[in-house]
Structure formats: structure tokens, C-alpha cells
Amino acid sequence: MAKQSIFGRISTLMKANINAMLDSAEDPQKMLDQLVRDYTNSIADAESAIAETIGNLRLLERDHEEDVRAAAEWGNKALAASRKADELRAAGNATDADKFDNLAKIALQRQIGEENEARAVQPTITSQTEVVDKLKDGLNGMKQKLEQLKAKRSELLARAKTAEAQTKVHDAVKSIDVLDPTSELGRFEDKVRRQEALAAGKAELAASSLDAQFNELEDVGELTEVEARLAALKTGGTASPAIEQ
């Protein structure tokens, strides 16, 4: 994957409004899982691309250092050759002095070449250094966002588990709520009350039956006394019962 594509994806992810995405998501948990995967994969790709960019920058820096060092060495050689030429010329040896002056000129040309190369690569090193710094900052920002996403996911998981536990507890408590007529105890209480009402009904019915029987007994007693008095009248006796004095 091209580095431009990777860095473009990093920029897109960094600008993403995670909270807004979660608010509009049908399943925030799935979206968080997907975002964690996207960030993790992008970070891995970015680390590889940034490492390559840093590696190229370090090569440029080493080449630049080599150019600067070579320019300095050629400058020293030019100075040494020039001094030797001056010594020879002072000694009256103009021919050899010219040779060393020519060597000094060649060294100076090499020095200028190395300086030009060092000067030419410097803007690239400067711009690449800025790019690397920005990429490092972006990568660190992505890593921080990834940790935030993981924390958010853990928070949502904990809240989901808490809500599930609360629902279970609520259902369990509701099932034993004595004030709830639909609960197990409520239904059992209603059954007991019906049984008590049935027993009370039977007792009331039995009591009514006993009252009727006693009434019948009283009626039988009255009839028996009437028959006895009627028999007494027929025999010439009195119909009134004897009253003890």
C-alpha cells in the first residue's frame, strides 16, 4: 500500500468524530470493535511506512555528513598543497610550486563539489525532518485515540453487563414481590385465599344446615305437647299443664 494512501487514512481516522459516529450507530459495540480494528491495522501500516521514511531520512543525513566531511578534507588538502607551493616558490622552485598550486586548485574544486552536494540535499533533509515529526505526532495521536477507543469499549461492556445484571436482579425481585398479584407468591396467596373462602363457605353452609335441624326438633317438640294436651281434653282432664306451686 502506498505511503500516501496510509497517511491519508491516518488523517481521516484522526479527524473522525468518534462520539458522533457512536451516537448514530445502530450497534455501538460493533462500531467500536470495527474502529479498534481499523486503528490497530492503520497504526501497524503507519509504523512500517514511517520507519521507512525515517530510514531514508537517516541515509540522507549520513550522505550530507559525508559531503560536509569530504568538503572539509578537500579544503585541508587544498591548504596543504597551497602552503607547499608557497614554500617551493620561496625556495626558487617555481615549477614544483605550480604543480602544488594546481593540486590545491583540484582540491578546491572537489571541496566546492562536495559543498554543493551538501547544500543541495539540505532542503530535502529539512522538509523530510518536518514530515517525520508530523508523522510521529500523528502516530502518537492515533495510539492515544486507540487507547481511548479501547477504554470506551471496556466502559460500554461494563455498562452492558451492569444493565444485564440489574435486569436479572429486577426480574428476580419482581418474581417474589408480595404486592405484585402476578408474582409467584401473589398467585399462591390468591390460591390460599380462595381455599379459605371455600372453607368458610362450607362452614357457613354446615351451620345453616344445623340450625335447620334444630328448628325441626323444636317443631317436633311443640307438636308432641299439643298431642298430649288434646289427649288430656278427651279424657276429661285439663288442657293446661300442671304448674308447680
C-alpha atoms as a PDB file:
ATOM      1  CA  MET A   1       0.000   0.000   0.000  1.00  0.00           C
ATOM      2  CA  ALA A   2       1.370   3.413  -0.968  1.00  0.00           C
ATOM      3  CA  LYS A   3       2.553   5.625   1.844  1.00  0.00           C
ATOM      4  CA  GLN A   4       0.299   8.454   0.623  1.00  0.00           C
ATOM      5  CA  SER A   5      -2.687   6.138   0.996  1.00  0.00           C
ATOM      6  CA  ILE A   6      -1.640   5.133   4.514  1.00  0.00           C
ATOM      7  CA  PHE A   7      -1.085   8.714   5.618  1.00  0.00           C
ATOM      8  CA  GLY A   8      -4.395   9.748   4.067  1.00  0.00           C
ATOM      9  CA  ARG A   9      -6.140   7.035   6.057  1.00  0.00           C
ATOM     10  CA  ILE A  10      -4.373   8.226   9.218  1.00  0.00           C
ATOM     11  CA  SER A  11      -5.592  11.771   8.575  1.00  0.00           C
ATOM     12  CA  THR A  12      -9.155  10.558   8.011  1.00  0.00           C
ATOM     13  CA  LEU A  13      -9.181   8.499  11.204  1.00  0.00           C
ATOM     14  CA  MET A  14      -7.669  11.335  13.241  1.00  0.00           C
ATOM     15  CA  LYS A  15     -10.404  13.731  12.063  1.00  0.00           C
ATOM     16  CA  ALA A  16     -13.223  11.262  12.743  1.00  0.00           C
ATOM     17  CA  ASN A  17     -15.756  12.333  15.348  1.00  0.00           C
ATOM     18  CA  ILE A  18     -15.972   9.122  17.336  1.00  0.00           C
ATOM     19  CA  ASN A  19     -18.781  10.271  19.639  1.00  0.00           C
ATOM     20  CA  ALA A  20     -20.959  11.358  16.717  1.00  0.00           C
ATOM     21  CA  MET A  21     -20.314   8.042  14.968  1.00  0.00           C
ATOM     22  CA  LEU A  22     -21.296   6.117  18.099  1.00  0.00           C
ATOM     23  CA  ASP A  23     -24.424   8.219  18.586  1.00  0.00           C
ATOM     24  CA  SER A  24     -25.631   7.430  15.070  1.00  0.00           C
ATOM     25  CA  ALA A  25     -24.617   3.762  15.114  1.00  0.00           C
ATOM     26  CA  GLU A  26     -27.285   1.078  15.358  1.00  0.00           C
ATOM     27  CA  ASP A  27     -24.864  -1.119  17.308  1.00  0.00           C
ATOM     28  CA  PRO A  28     -22.195   0.991  19.100  1.00  0.00           C
ATOM     29  CA  GLN A  29     -20.421  -2.131  20.322  1.00  0.00           C
ATOM     30  CA  LYS A  30     -19.860  -3.431  16.776  1.00  0.00           C
ATOM     31  CA  MET A  31     -18.764   0.008  15.592  1.00  0.00           C
ATOM     32  CA  LEU A  32     -16.247   0.280  18.449  1.00  0.00           C
ATOM     33  CA  ASP A  33     -14.881  -3.165  17.625  1.00  0.00           C
ATOM     34  CA  GLN A  34     -14.519  -2.152  13.968  1.00  0.00           C
ATOM     35  CA  LEU A  35     -12.870   1.155  14.865  1.00  0.00           C
ATOM     36  CA  VAL A  36     -10.404  -0.607  17.163  1.00  0.00           C
ATOM     37  CA  ARG A  37      -9.517  -2.982  14.305  1.00  0.00           C
ATOM     38  CA  ASP A  38      -9.178  -0.073  11.831  1.00  0.00           C
ATOM     39  CA  TYR A  39      -6.954   1.915  14.165  1.00  0.00           C
ATOM     40  CA  THR A  40      -4.833  -1.108  15.058  1.00  0.00           C
ATOM     41  CA  ASN A  41      -4.284  -2.038  11.400  1.00  0.00           C
ATOM     42  CA  SER A  42      -3.639   1.585  10.383  1.00  0.00           C
ATOM     43  CA  ILE A  43      -1.145   2.042  13.202  1.00  0.00           C
ATOM     44  CA  ALA A  44       0.739  -1.068  12.118  1.00  0.00           C
ATOM     45  CA  ASP A  45       0.828   0.145   8.480  1.00  0.00           C
ATOM     46  CA  ALA A  46       1.784   3.654   9.570  1.00  0.00           C
ATOM     47  CA  GLU A  47       4.609   2.412  11.783  1.00  0.00           C
ATOM     48  CA  SER A  48       6.044   0.464   8.869  1.00  0.00           C
ATOM     49  CA  ALA A  49       5.748   3.413   6.473  1.00  0.00           C
ATOM     50  CA  ILE A  50       7.139   5.909   8.980  1.00  0.00           C
ATOM     51  CA  ALA A  51      10.044   3.589   9.779  1.00  0.00           C
ATOM     52  CA  GLU A  52      10.868   3.502   6.063  1.00  0.00           C
ATOM     53  CA  THR A  53      10.608   7.293   5.829  1.00  0.00           C
ATOM     54  CA  ILE A  54      12.872   7.699   8.857  1.00  0.00           C
ATOM     55  CA  GLY A  55      15.326   5.231   7.366  1.00  0.00           C
ATOM     56  CA  ASN A  56      15.511   7.233   4.117  1.00  0.00           C
ATOM     57  CA  LEU A  57      15.973  10.450   6.113  1.00  0.00           C
ATOM     58  CA  ARG A  58      18.837   8.953   8.093  1.00  0.00           C
ATOM     59  CA  LEU A  59      20.521   7.902   4.810  1.00  0.00           C
ATOM     60  CA  LEU A  60      20.215  11.479   3.521  1.00  0.00           C
ATOM     61  CA  GLU A  61      21.665  12.788   6.766  1.00  0.00           C
ATOM     62  CA  ARG A  62      24.604  10.373   6.565  1.00  0.00           C
ATOM     63  CA  ASP A  63      25.219  11.345   2.941  1.00  0.00           C
ATOM     64  CA  HIS A  64      25.100  15.009   3.928  1.00  0.00           C
ATOM     65  CA  GLU A  65      27.540  14.409   6.758  1.00  0.00           C
ATOM     66  CA  GLU A  66      29.834  12.610   4.310  1.00  0.00           C
ATOM     67  CA  ASP A  67      29.652  15.553   1.900  1.00  0.00           C
ATOM     68  CA  VAL A  68      30.435  18.040   4.694  1.00  0.00           C
ATOM     69  CA  ARG A  69      33.319  15.900   5.952  1.00  0.00           C
ATOM     70  CA  ALA A  70      34.681  15.394   2.434  1.00  0.00           C
ATOM     71  CA  ALA A  71      34.454  19.128   1.743  1.00  0.00           C
ATOM     72  CA  ALA A  72      36.441  19.799   4.902  1.00  0.00           C
ATOM     73  CA  GLU A  73      39.065  17.209   3.951  1.00  0.00           C
ATOM     74  CA  TRP A  74      39.448  18.630   0.429  1.00  0.00           C
ATOM     75  CA  GLY A  75      39.779  22.072   1.992  1.00  0.00           C
ATOM     76  CA  ASN A  76      42.585  20.826   4.220  1.00  0.00           C
ATOM     77  CA  LYS A  77      44.292  19.209   1.211  1.00  0.00           C
ATOM     78  CA  ALA A  78      43.981  22.419  -0.777  1.00  0.00           C
ATOM     79  CA  LEU A  79      45.509  24.383   2.106  1.00  0.00           C
ATOM     80  CA  ALA A  80      48.370  21.890   2.462  1.00  0.00           C
ATOM     81  CA  ALA A  81      49.095  21.949  -1.283  1.00  0.00           C
ATOM     82  CA  SER A  82      48.982  25.749  -1.363  1.00  0.00           C
ATOM     83  CA  ARG A  83      51.415  26.051   1.553  1.00  0.00           C
ATOM     84  CA  LYS A  84      53.763  23.537  -0.097  1.00  0.00           C
ATOM     85  CA  ALA A  85      53.642  25.563  -3.294  1.00  0.00           C
ATOM     86  CA  ASP A  86      54.470  28.728  -1.370  1.00  0.00           C
ATOM     87  CA  GLU A  87      57.450  27.018   0.260  1.00  0.00           C
ATOM     88  CA  LEU A  88      58.749  25.756  -3.074  1.00  0.00           C
ATOM     89  CA  ARG A  89      58.230  29.113  -4.728  1.00  0.00           C
ATOM     90  CA  ALA A  90      60.082  30.832  -1.877  1.00  0.00           C
ATOM     91  CA  ALA A  91      62.914  28.360  -2.419  1.00  0.00           C
ATOM     92  CA  GLY A  92      63.059  29.297  -6.097  1.00  0.00           C
ATOM     93  CA  ASN A  93      61.440  26.094  -7.364  1.00  0.00           C
ATOM     94  CA  ALA A  94      58.657  27.638  -9.424  1.00  0.00           C
ATOM     95  CA  THR A  95      57.917  24.503 -11.484  1.00  0.00           C
ATOM     96  CA  ASP A  96      57.120  22.303  -8.496  1.00  0.00           C
ATOM     97  CA  ALA A  97      55.374  25.214  -6.857  1.00  0.00           C
ATOM     98  CA  ASP A  98      53.000  25.450  -9.814  1.00  0.00           C
ATOM     99  CA  LYS A  99      52.301  21.710  -9.567  1.00  0.00           C
ATOM    100  CA  PHE A 100      51.237  22.037  -5.931  1.00  0.00           C
ATOM    101  CA  ASP A 101      49.173  25.098  -6.724  1.00  0.00           C
ATOM    102  CA  ASN A 102      47.396  23.027  -9.394  1.00  0.00           C
ATOM    103  CA  LEU A 103      46.826  20.292  -6.812  1.00  0.00           C
ATOM    104  CA  ALA A 104      45.408  22.939  -4.483  1.00  0.00           C
ATOM    105  CA  LYS A 105      43.061  24.076  -7.245  1.00  0.00           C
ATOM    106  CA  ILE A 106      41.902  20.482  -7.864  1.00  0.00           C
ATOM    107  CA  ALA A 107      41.280  20.025  -4.137  1.00  0.00           C
ATOM    108  CA  LEU A 108      39.347  23.274  -4.027  1.00  0.00           C
ATOM    109  CA  GLN A 109      37.206  22.118  -6.964  1.00  0.00           C
ATOM    110  CA  ARG A 110      36.478  18.873  -5.129  1.00  0.00           C
ATOM    111  CA  GLN A 111      35.662  20.875  -1.994  1.00  0.00           C
ATOM    112  CA  ILE A 112      33.231  23.064  -3.929  1.00  0.00           C
ATOM    113  CA  GLY A 113      31.590  19.953  -5.426  1.00  0.00           C
ATOM    114  CA  GLU A 114      31.088  18.353  -2.029  1.00  0.00           C
ATOM    115  CA  GLU A 115      29.747  21.620  -0.588  1.00  0.00           C
ATOM    116  CA  ASN A 116      27.278  21.910  -3.467  1.00  0.00           C
ATOM    117  CA  GLU A 117      26.044  18.369  -2.874  1.00  0.00           C
ATOM    118  CA  ALA A 118      25.689  19.035   0.837  1.00  0.00           C
ATOM    119  CA  ARG A 119      23.871  22.308   0.128  1.00  0.00           C
ATOM    120  CA  ALA A 120      21.549  20.657  -2.413  1.00  0.00           C
ATOM    121  CA  VAL A 121      20.415  17.888  -0.052  1.00  0.00           C
ATOM    122  CA  GLN A 122      19.882  20.165   2.948  1.00  0.00           C
ATOM    123  CA  PRO A 123      16.349  21.389   1.952  1.00  0.00           C
ATOM    124  CA  THR A 124      15.261  17.778   1.438  1.00  0.00           C
ATOM    125  CA  ILE A 125      16.579  16.827   4.849  1.00  0.00           C
ATOM    126  CA  THR A 126      14.795  19.806   6.427  1.00  0.00           C
ATOM    127  CA  SER A 127      11.456  19.023   4.774  1.00  0.00           C
ATOM    128  CA  GLN A 128      11.736  15.294   5.474  1.00  0.00           C
ATOM    129  CA  THR A 129      12.524  16.015   9.115  1.00  0.00           C
ATOM    130  CA  GLU A 130       9.341  18.077   9.363  1.00  0.00           C
ATOM    131  CA  VAL A 131       7.366  15.289   7.683  1.00  0.00           C
ATOM    132  CA  VAL A 132       8.776  12.680  10.059  1.00  0.00           C
ATOM    133  CA  ASP A 133       7.966  14.842  13.088  1.00  0.00           C
ATOM    134  CA  LYS A 134       4.379  15.298  11.879  1.00  0.00           C
ATOM    135  CA  LEU A 135       4.038  11.590  11.172  1.00  0.00           C
ATOM    136  CA  LYS A 136       5.337  10.751  14.636  1.00  0.00           C
ATOM    137  CA  ASP A 137       2.853  13.169  16.190  1.00  0.00           C
ATOM    138  CA  GLY A 138       0.050  11.693  14.085  1.00  0.00           C
ATOM    139  CA  LEU A 139       1.044   8.173  15.034  1.00  0.00           C
ATOM    140  CA  ASN A 140       1.147   9.071  18.726  1.00  0.00           C
ATOM    141  CA  GLY A 141      -2.264  10.725  18.359  1.00  0.00           C
ATOM    142  CA  MET A 142      -3.642   7.578  16.754  1.00  0.00           C
ATOM    143  CA  LYS A 143      -2.242   5.452  19.555  1.00  0.00           C
ATOM    144  CA  GLN A 144      -3.879   7.747  22.129  1.00  0.00           C
ATOM    145  CA  LYS A 145      -7.191   7.538  20.276  1.00  0.00           C
ATOM    146  CA  LEU A 146      -6.869   3.779  20.110  1.00  0.00           C
ATOM    147  CA  GLU A 147      -6.436   3.654  23.883  1.00  0.00           C
ATOM    148  CA  GLN A 148      -9.478   5.916  24.257  1.00  0.00           C
ATOM    149  CA  LEU A 149     -11.481   3.612  21.998  1.00  0.00           C
ATOM    150  CA  LYS A 150     -10.430   0.579  23.999  1.00  0.00           C
ATOM    151  CA  ALA A 151     -11.347   2.360  27.237  1.00  0.00           C
ATOM    152  CA  LYS A 152     -14.691   3.382  25.729  1.00  0.00           C
ATOM    153  CA  ARG A 153     -15.325  -0.180  24.614  1.00  0.00           C
ATOM    154  CA  SER A 154     -14.464  -1.509  28.084  1.00  0.00           C
ATOM    155  CA  GLU A 155     -16.781   1.083  29.625  1.00  0.00           C
ATOM    156  CA  LEU A 156     -19.651   0.101  27.336  1.00  0.00           C
ATOM    157  CA  LEU A 157     -19.075  -3.585  28.029  1.00  0.00           C
ATOM    158  CA  ALA A 158     -19.081  -2.934  31.778  1.00  0.00           C
ATOM    159  CA  ARG A 159     -22.252  -0.849  31.487  1.00  0.00           C
ATOM    160  CA  ALA A 160     -23.916  -3.538  29.385  1.00  0.00           C
ATOM    161  CA  LYS A 161     -23.017  -6.206  31.936  1.00  0.00           C
ATOM    162  CA  THR A 162     -24.235  -3.989  34.777  1.00  0.00           C
ATOM    163  CA  ALA A 163     -27.516  -3.339  32.977  1.00  0.00           C
ATOM    164  CA  GLU A 164     -27.925  -7.067  32.312  1.00  0.00           C
ATOM    165  CA  ALA A 165     -27.238  -7.864  35.977  1.00  0.00           C
ATOM    166  CA  GLN A 166     -29.675  -5.184  37.119  1.00  0.00           C
ATOM    167  CA  THR A 167     -32.337  -6.577  34.802  1.00  0.00           C
ATOM    168  CA  LYS A 168     -31.829 -10.065  36.197  1.00  0.00           C
ATOM    169  CA  VAL A 169     -31.998  -8.780  39.767  1.00  0.00           C
ATOM    170  CA  HIS A 170     -35.124  -6.766  38.957  1.00  0.00           C
ATOM    171  CA  ASP A 171     -36.774  -9.815  37.408  1.00  0.00           C
ATOM    172  CA  ALA A 172     -35.798 -11.957  40.391  1.00  0.00           C
ATOM    173  CA  VAL A 173     -37.109  -9.410  42.882  1.00  0.00           C
ATOM    174  CA  LYS A 174     -40.295  -8.945  40.890  1.00  0.00           C
ATOM    175  CA  SER A 175     -40.924 -12.675  40.962  1.00  0.00           C
ATOM    176  CA  ILE A 176     -41.077 -12.592  44.772  1.00  0.00           C
ATOM    177  CA  ASP A 177     -42.849  -9.243  45.164  1.00  0.00           C
ATOM    178  CA  VAL A 178     -45.711  -9.990  47.561  1.00  0.00           C
ATOM    179  CA  LEU A 179     -47.514  -6.859  46.407  1.00  0.00           C
ATOM    180  CA  ASP A 180     -47.477  -7.951  42.789  1.00  0.00           C
ATOM    181  CA  PRO A 181     -50.567 -10.127  42.099  1.00  0.00           C
ATOM    182  CA  THR A 182     -48.791 -11.701  39.117  1.00  0.00           C
ATOM    183  CA  SER A 183     -45.815 -12.913  41.174  1.00  0.00           C
ATOM    184  CA  GLU A 184     -45.442 -16.489  42.367  1.00  0.00           C
ATOM    185  CA  LEU A 185     -46.207 -15.535  45.981  1.00  0.00           C
ATOM    186  CA  GLY A 186     -49.087 -13.370  44.821  1.00  0.00           C
ATOM    187  CA  ARG A 187     -50.621 -16.237  42.923  1.00  0.00           C
ATOM    188  CA  PHE A 188     -50.058 -18.590  45.841  1.00  0.00           C
ATOM    189  CA  GLU A 189     -51.648 -16.100  48.249  1.00  0.00           C
ATOM    190  CA  ASP A 190     -54.657 -15.811  45.952  1.00  0.00           C
ATOM    191  CA  LYS A 191     -54.971 -19.600  45.908  1.00  0.00           C
ATOM    192  CA  VAL A 192     -54.847 -19.739  49.731  1.00  0.00           C
ATOM    193  CA  ARG A 193     -57.470 -17.013  49.988  1.00  0.00           C
ATOM    194  CA  ARG A 194     -59.741 -18.956  47.642  1.00  0.00           C
ATOM    195  CA  GLN A 195     -59.262 -22.087  49.715  1.00  0.00           C
ATOM    196  CA  GLU A 196     -60.031 -20.118  52.900  1.00  0.00           C
ATOM    197  CA  ALA A 197     -63.146 -18.676  51.284  1.00  0.00           C
ATOM    198  CA  LEU A 198     -64.246 -22.155  50.215  1.00  0.00           C
ATOM    199  CA  ALA A 199     -63.742 -23.491  53.763  1.00  0.00           C
ATOM    200  CA  ALA A 200     -65.667 -20.540  55.192  1.00  0.00           C
ATOM    201  CA  GLY A 201     -68.486 -21.177  52.726  1.00  0.00           C
ATOM    202  CA  LYS A 202     -68.671 -24.813  53.656  1.00  0.00           C
ATOM    203  CA  ALA A 203     -68.657 -23.925  57.381  1.00  0.00           C
ATOM    204  CA  GLU A 204     -71.449 -21.411  56.833  1.00  0.00           C
ATOM    205  CA  LEU A 205     -73.437 -23.947  54.859  1.00  0.00           C
ATOM    206  CA  ALA A 206     -72.913 -26.563  57.568  1.00  0.00           C
ATOM    207  CA  ALA A 207     -74.015 -24.098  60.256  1.00  0.00           C
ATOM    208  CA  SER A 208     -77.174 -23.303  58.284  1.00  0.00           C
ATOM    209  CA  SER A 209     -77.932 -26.980  57.992  1.00  0.00           C
ATOM    210  CA  LEU A 210     -77.551 -27.473  61.780  1.00  0.00           C
ATOM    211  CA  ASP A 211     -79.886 -24.525  62.516  1.00  0.00           C
ATOM    212  CA  ALA A 212     -82.500 -26.067  60.274  1.00  0.00           C
ATOM    213  CA  GLN A 213     -82.194 -29.380  62.083  1.00  0.00           C
ATOM    214  CA  PHE A 214     -82.625 -27.741  65.496  1.00  0.00           C
ATOM    215  CA  ASN A 215     -85.657 -25.859  64.228  1.00  0.00           C
ATOM    216  CA  GLU A 216     -87.171 -29.142  63.134  1.00  0.00           C
ATOM    217  CA  LEU A 217     -86.518 -30.580  66.587  1.00  0.00           C
ATOM    218  CA  GLU A 218     -88.302 -27.628  68.228  1.00  0.00           C
ATOM    219  CA  ASP A 219     -91.233 -28.047  65.853  1.00  0.00           C
ATOM    220  CA  VAL A 220     -91.454 -31.775  66.761  1.00  0.00           C
ATOM    221  CA  GLY A 221     -91.423 -30.886  70.461  1.00  0.00           C
ATOM    222  CA  GLU A 222     -94.306 -28.438  70.060  1.00  0.00           C
ATOM    223  CA  LEU A 223     -96.394 -30.965  68.139  1.00  0.00           C
ATOM    224  CA  THR A 224     -95.835 -33.629  70.782  1.00  0.00           C
ATOM    225  CA  GLU A 225     -97.071 -31.307  73.549  1.00  0.00           C
ATOM    226  CA  VAL A 226    -100.155 -30.407  71.517  1.00  0.00           C
ATOM    227  CA  GLU A 227    -100.993 -34.066  71.031  1.00  0.00           C
ATOM    228  CA  ALA A 228    -100.580 -34.677  74.778  1.00  0.00           C
ATOM    229  CA  ARG A 229    -102.964 -31.844  75.704  1.00  0.00           C
ATOM    230  CA  LEU A 230    -105.515 -32.955  73.163  1.00  0.00           C
ATOM    231  CA  ALA A 231    -105.474 -36.433  74.650  1.00  0.00           C
ATOM    232  CA  ALA A 232    -105.954 -34.935  78.139  1.00  0.00           C
ATOM    233  CA  LEU A 233    -109.019 -32.977  76.994  1.00  0.00           C
ATOM    234  CA  LYS A 234    -110.587 -36.068  75.540  1.00  0.00           C
ATOM    235  CA  THR A 235    -110.169 -37.900  78.811  1.00  0.00           C
ATOM    236  CA  GLY A 236    -111.846 -35.084  80.698  1.00  0.00           C
ATOM    237  CA  GLY A 237    -108.634 -33.648  82.010  1.00  0.00           C
ATOM    238  CA  THR A 238    -107.419 -30.113  81.704  1.00  0.00           C
ATOM    239  CA  ALA A 239    -105.522 -28.748  78.714  1.00  0.00           C
ATOM    240  CA  SER A 240    -103.263 -26.652  80.926  1.00  0.00           C
ATOM    241  CA  PRO A 241    -100.114 -28.258  82.262  1.00  0.00           C
ATOM    242  CA  ALA A 242     -99.807 -28.518  85.985  1.00  0.00           C
ATOM    243  CA  ILE A 243     -97.905 -25.564  87.409  1.00  0.00           C
ATOM    244  CA  GLU A 244     -95.831 -26.345  90.370  1.00  0.00           C
ATOM    245  CA  GLN A 245     -96.703 -24.281  93.423  1.00  0.00           C
END
